[in-house]
C-alpha atoms as a PDB file:
ATOM      1  CA  UNK A   1      79.843 -36.639 -71.518  1.00  0.00           C
ATOM      2  CA  UNK A   2      80.571 -37.087 -75.203  1.00  0.00           C
ATOM      3  CA  UNK A   3      77.530 -37.612 -77.498  1.00  0.00           C
ATOM      4  CA  UNK A   4      77.414 -40.934 -79.306  1.00  0.00           C
ATOM      5  CA  UNK A   5      77.780 -40.867 -83.045  1.00  0.00           C
ATOM      6  CA  UNK A   6      75.052 -42.244 -85.273  1.00  0.00           C
ATOM      7  CA  UNK A   7      77.285 -45.144 -86.394  1.00  0.00           C
ATOM      8  CA  UNK A   8      78.000 -46.131 -82.780  1.00  0.00           C
ATOM      9  CA  UNK A   9      74.265 -46.185 -81.937  1.00  0.00           C
ATOM     10  CA  UNK A  10      73.490 -48.300 -85.012  1.00  0.00           C
ATOM     11  CA  UNK A  11      76.264 -50.745 -84.145  1.00  0.00           C
ATOM     12  CA  UNK A  12      74.898 -51.138 -80.598  1.00  0.00           C
ATOM     13  CA  UNK A  13      71.381 -51.830 -81.919  1.00  0.00           C
ATOM     14  CA  UNK A  14      72.725 -54.278 -84.476  1.00  0.00           C
ATOM     15  CA  UNK A  15      74.161 -56.433 -81.697  1.00  0.00           C
ATOM     16  CA  UNK A  16      70.668 -57.393 -80.526  1.00  0.00           C
ATOM     17  CA  UNK A  17      69.797 -60.823 -81.867  1.00  0.00           C
ATOM     18  CA  UNK A  18      66.318 -61.755 -83.162  1.00  0.00           C
ATOM     19  CA  UNK A  19      64.593 -64.831 -81.760  1.00  0.00           C
ATOM     20  CA  UNK A  20      66.136 -68.057 -83.166  1.00  0.00           C
ATOM     21  CA  UNK A  21      62.980 -69.167 -84.990  1.00  0.00           C
ATOM     22  CA  UNK A  22      61.986 -65.719 -86.321  1.00  0.00           C
ATOM     23  CA  UNK A  23      63.761 -62.898 -88.054  1.00  0.00           C
ATOM     24  CA  UNK A  24      63.100 -59.257 -87.277  1.00  0.00           C
ATOM     25  CA  UNK A  25      60.453 -57.945 -89.620  1.00  0.00           C
ATOM     26  CA  UNK A  26      59.397 -61.410 -90.819  1.00  0.00           C
ATOM     27  CA  UNK A  27      55.614 -61.673 -91.410  1.00  0.00           C
ATOM     28  CA  UNK A  28      53.873 -64.134 -89.091  1.00  0.00           C
ATOM     29  CA  UNK A  29      50.300 -65.410 -89.305  1.00  0.00           C
ATOM     30  CA  UNK A  30      48.559 -64.137 -86.169  1.00  0.00           C
ATOM     31  CA  UNK A  31      45.116 -65.716 -86.329  1.00  0.00           C
ATOM     32  CA  UNK A  32      42.983 -68.231 -88.166  1.00  0.00           C
ATOM     33  CA  UNK A  33      41.619 -65.433 -90.365  1.00  0.00           C
ATOM     34  CA  UNK A  34      44.925 -65.362 -92.237  1.00  0.00           C
ATOM     35  CA  UNK A  35      46.029 -61.883 -91.166  1.00  0.00           C
ATOM     36  CA  UNK A  36      49.742 -61.263 -91.046  1.00  0.00           C
ATOM     37  CA  UNK A  37      51.595 -59.057 -88.610  1.00  0.00           C
ATOM     38  CA  UNK A  38      55.248 -58.112 -88.326  1.00  0.00           C
ATOM     39  CA  UNK A  39      57.048 -59.171 -85.149  1.00  0.00           C
ATOM     40  CA  UNK A  40      59.905 -57.442 -83.364  1.00  0.00           C
ATOM     41  CA  UNK A  41      62.101 -59.269 -80.885  1.00  0.00           C
ATOM     42  CA  UNK A  42      64.170 -56.353 -79.615  1.00  0.00           C
ATOM     43  CA  UNK A  43      61.976 -56.049 -76.477  1.00  0.00           C
ATOM     44  CA  UNK A  44      61.593 -52.276 -76.732  1.00  0.00           C
ATOM     45  CA  UNK A  45      57.951 -52.414 -75.703  1.00  0.00           C
ATOM     46  CA  UNK A  46      56.727 -50.959 -78.977  1.00  0.00           C
ATOM     47  CA  UNK A  47      53.204 -51.798 -80.079  1.00  0.00           C
ATOM     48  CA  UNK A  48      52.574 -52.352 -83.776  1.00  0.00           C
ATOM     49  CA  UNK A  49      49.112 -51.600 -85.127  1.00  0.00           C
ATOM     50  CA  UNK A  50      47.980 -52.514 -88.611  1.00  0.00           C
ATOM     51  CA  UNK A  51      46.317 -49.341 -89.906  1.00  0.00           C
ATOM     52  CA  UNK A  52      44.838 -51.207 -92.869  1.00  0.00           C
ATOM     53  CA  UNK A  53      42.417 -53.176 -90.656  1.00  0.00           C
ATOM     54  CA  UNK A  54      38.942 -51.777 -90.084  1.00  0.00           C
ATOM     55  CA  UNK A  55      37.661 -51.146 -86.548  1.00  0.00           C
ATOM     56  CA  UNK A  56      35.031 -53.876 -86.870  1.00  0.00           C
ATOM     57  CA  UNK A  57      37.646 -56.551 -87.549  1.00  0.00           C
ATOM     58  CA  UNK A  58      39.762 -55.450 -84.593  1.00  0.00           C
ATOM     59  CA  UNK A  59      36.811 -55.509 -82.195  1.00  0.00           C
ATOM     60  CA  UNK A  60      35.831 -59.007 -83.295  1.00  0.00           C
ATOM     61  CA  UNK A  61      39.311 -60.314 -82.462  1.00  0.00           C
ATOM     62  CA  UNK A  62      39.059 -59.065 -78.872  1.00  0.00           C
ATOM     63  CA  UNK A  63      37.263 -61.113 -76.215  1.00  0.00           C
ATOM     64  CA  UNK A  64      34.089 -59.524 -74.804  1.00  0.00           C
ATOM     65  CA  UNK A  65      34.612 -57.483 -71.614  1.00  0.00           C
ATOM     66  CA  UNK A  66      33.781 -59.273 -68.391  1.00  0.00           C
ATOM     67  CA  UNK A  67      32.804 -57.902 -65.019  1.00  0.00           C
ATOM     68  CA  UNK A  68      35.481 -58.046 -62.318  1.00  0.00           C
ATOM     69  CA  UNK A  69      35.449 -61.233 -60.305  1.00  0.00           C
ATOM     70  CA  UNK A  70      34.682 -60.807 -56.616  1.00  0.00           C
ATOM     71  CA  UNK A  71      35.373 -63.249 -53.825  1.00  0.00           C
ATOM     72  CA  UNK A  72      32.391 -65.299 -52.637  1.00  0.00           C
ATOM     73  CA  UNK A  73      30.199 -63.536 -50.106  1.00  0.00           C
ATOM     74  CA  UNK A  74      30.545 -60.043 -51.567  1.00  0.00           C
ATOM     75  CA  UNK A  75      27.887 -58.131 -53.423  1.00  0.00           C
ATOM     76  CA  UNK A  76      28.401 -55.763 -56.352  1.00  0.00           C
ATOM     77  CA  UNK A  77      29.102 -52.768 -54.117  1.00  0.00           C
ATOM     78  CA  UNK A  78      32.139 -54.461 -52.618  1.00  0.00           C
ATOM     79  CA  UNK A  79      30.901 -54.580 -49.047  1.00  0.00           C
ATOM     80  CA  UNK A  80      32.344 -57.260 -46.853  1.00  0.00           C
ATOM     81  CA  UNK A  81      29.952 -59.781 -45.361  1.00  0.00           C
ATOM     82  CA  UNK A  82      28.966 -59.292 -41.722  1.00  0.00           C
ATOM     83  CA  UNK A  83      30.812 -61.574 -39.358  1.00  0.00           C
ATOM     84  CA  UNK A  84      30.749 -62.253 -35.658  1.00  0.00           C
ATOM     85  CA  UNK A  85      33.787 -60.014 -35.191  1.00  0.00           C
ATOM     86  CA  UNK A  86      31.472 -56.987 -34.995  1.00  0.00           C
ATOM     87  CA  UNK A  87      29.922 -58.440 -31.839  1.00  0.00           C
ATOM     88  CA  UNK A  88      33.427 -59.006 -30.469  1.00  0.00           C
ATOM     89  CA  UNK A  89      34.195 -55.334 -31.074  1.00  0.00           C
ATOM     90  CA  UNK A  90      30.985 -54.304 -29.304  1.00  0.00           C
ATOM     91  CA  UNK A  91      31.839 -56.485 -26.307  1.00  0.00           C
ATOM     92  CA  UNK A  92      35.334 -55.028 -26.142  1.00  0.00           C
ATOM     93  CA  UNK A  93      33.969 -51.496 -26.448  1.00  0.00           C
ATOM     94  CA  UNK A  94      31.462 -52.161 -23.658  1.00  0.00           C
ATOM     95  CA  UNK A  95      34.243 -53.480 -21.413  1.00  0.00           C
ATOM     96  CA  UNK A  96      36.376 -50.403 -22.072  1.00  0.00           C
ATOM     97  CA  UNK A  97      33.396 -48.125 -21.454  1.00  0.00           C
ATOM     98  CA  UNK A  98      32.666 -49.791 -18.106  1.00  0.00           C
ATOM     99  CA  UNK A  99      36.319 -49.490 -17.052  1.00  0.00           C
ATOM    100  CA  UNK A 100      36.364 -45.813 -17.990  1.00  0.00           C
ATOM    101  CA  UNK A 101      33.158 -45.168 -16.055  1.00  0.00           C
ATOM    102  CA  UNK A 102      34.651 -46.831 -12.962  1.00  0.00           C
ATOM    103  CA  UNK A 103      37.740 -44.638 -13.319  1.00  0.00           C
ATOM    104  CA  UNK A 104      35.607 -41.479 -13.582  1.00  0.00           C
ATOM    105  CA  UNK A 105      33.562 -42.508 -10.517  1.00  0.00           C
ATOM    106  CA  UNK A 106      36.731 -43.045  -8.464  1.00  0.00           C
ATOM    107  CA  UNK A 107      38.118 -39.635  -9.546  1.00  0.00           C
ATOM    108  CA  UNK A 108      34.845 -37.941  -8.565  1.00  0.00           C
ATOM    109  CA  UNK A 109      34.886 -39.652  -5.162  1.00  0.00           C
ATOM    110  CA  UNK A 110      38.484 -38.537  -4.533  1.00  0.00           C
ATOM    111  CA  UNK A 111      37.608 -34.958  -5.496  1.00  0.00           C
ATOM    112  CA  UNK A 112      34.586 -35.014  -3.170  1.00  0.00           C
ATOM    113  CA  UNK A 113      36.760 -36.289  -0.303  1.00  0.00           C
ATOM    114  CA  UNK A 114      39.361 -33.552  -0.914  1.00  0.00           C
ATOM    115  CA  UNK A 115      36.646 -30.880  -1.088  1.00  0.00           C
ATOM    116  CA  UNK A 116      35.093 -32.050   2.209  1.00  0.00           C
ATOM    117  CA  UNK A 117      38.496 -32.120   3.868  1.00  0.00           C
ATOM    118  CA  UNK A 118      39.154 -28.544   2.716  1.00  0.00           C
ATOM    119  CA  UNK A 119      35.650 -27.417   3.738  1.00  0.00           C
ATOM    120  CA  UNK A 120      36.063 -28.596   7.321  1.00  0.00           C
ATOM    121  CA  UNK A 121      39.600 -27.273   7.727  1.00  0.00           C
ATOM    122  CA  UNK A 122      39.627 -24.349  10.229  1.00  0.00           C
ATOM    123  CA  UNK A 123      40.593 -20.943   8.773  1.00  0.00           C
ATOM    124  CA  UNK A 124      40.472 -18.860  11.983  1.00  0.00           C
ATOM    125  CA  UNK A 125      44.240 -18.596  12.174  1.00  0.00           C
ATOM    126  CA  UNK A 126      44.530 -17.123   8.607  1.00  0.00           C
ATOM    127  CA  UNK A 127      44.648 -13.350   8.038  1.00  0.00           C
ATOM    128  CA  UNK A 128      44.357 -10.957   5.113  1.00  0.00           C
ATOM    129  CA  UNK A 129      44.401 -12.281   1.546  1.00  0.00           C
ATOM    130  CA  UNK A 130      44.885 -15.956   2.564  1.00  0.00           C
ATOM    131  CA  UNK A 131      41.697 -15.835   4.663  1.00  0.00           C
ATOM    132  CA  UNK A 132      39.715 -14.288   1.746  1.00  0.00           C
ATOM    133  CA  UNK A 133      40.847 -17.030  -0.649  1.00  0.00           C
ATOM    134  CA  UNK A 134      40.022 -19.787   1.859  1.00  0.00           C
ATOM    135  CA  UNK A 135      36.527 -18.358   2.495  1.00  0.00           C
ATOM    136  CA  UNK A 136      35.786 -18.046  -1.267  1.00  0.00           C
ATOM    137  CA  UNK A 137      36.955 -21.624  -1.816  1.00  0.00           C
ATOM    138  CA  UNK A 138      34.667 -22.885   0.970  1.00  0.00           C
ATOM    139  CA  UNK A 139      31.724 -20.946  -0.513  1.00  0.00           C
ATOM    140  CA  UNK A 140      32.367 -22.443  -3.965  1.00  0.00           C
ATOM    141  CA  UNK A 141      32.506 -25.987  -2.501  1.00  0.00           C
ATOM    142  CA  UNK A 142      29.246 -25.446  -0.591  1.00  0.00           C
ATOM    143  CA  UNK A 143      27.503 -24.249  -3.799  1.00  0.00           C
ATOM    144  CA  UNK A 144      28.931 -27.162  -5.776  1.00  0.00           C
ATOM    145  CA  UNK A 145      27.430 -29.768  -3.412  1.00  0.00           C
ATOM    146  CA  UNK A 146      24.343 -27.740  -2.404  1.00  0.00           C
ATOM    147  CA  UNK A 147      25.361 -27.607   1.266  1.00  0.00           C
END
């Protein structure tokens, strides 16, 4: 990319037009106190500060700070007001909890039935290692249910 020459840059900036009712650099009265500021209409986002003004004068021109506005029903900490939706959540949570408890009860009953079926299955026909495992399993089931 070829760098732009200084003349080319100046010619591009010169093509920007000032506002129709104001010229660039023209003094404009900004307030009732009679202070004048210079305006720029090239929309570069530059901020112009008059260094000749004292801090006291600048502060007087600004509106006093206000606290942030909150919607009605909120306190200063920003908490939301309590609504009936919290009771809806509790009801839903209770319903889910009851359903889960029913599921757990059914699983426990199925496990008990399987354990009893295994406990009363005859192991006389088994030999060696298979018989040892079956006997240990029956002992563990009997201890589990205090039989």
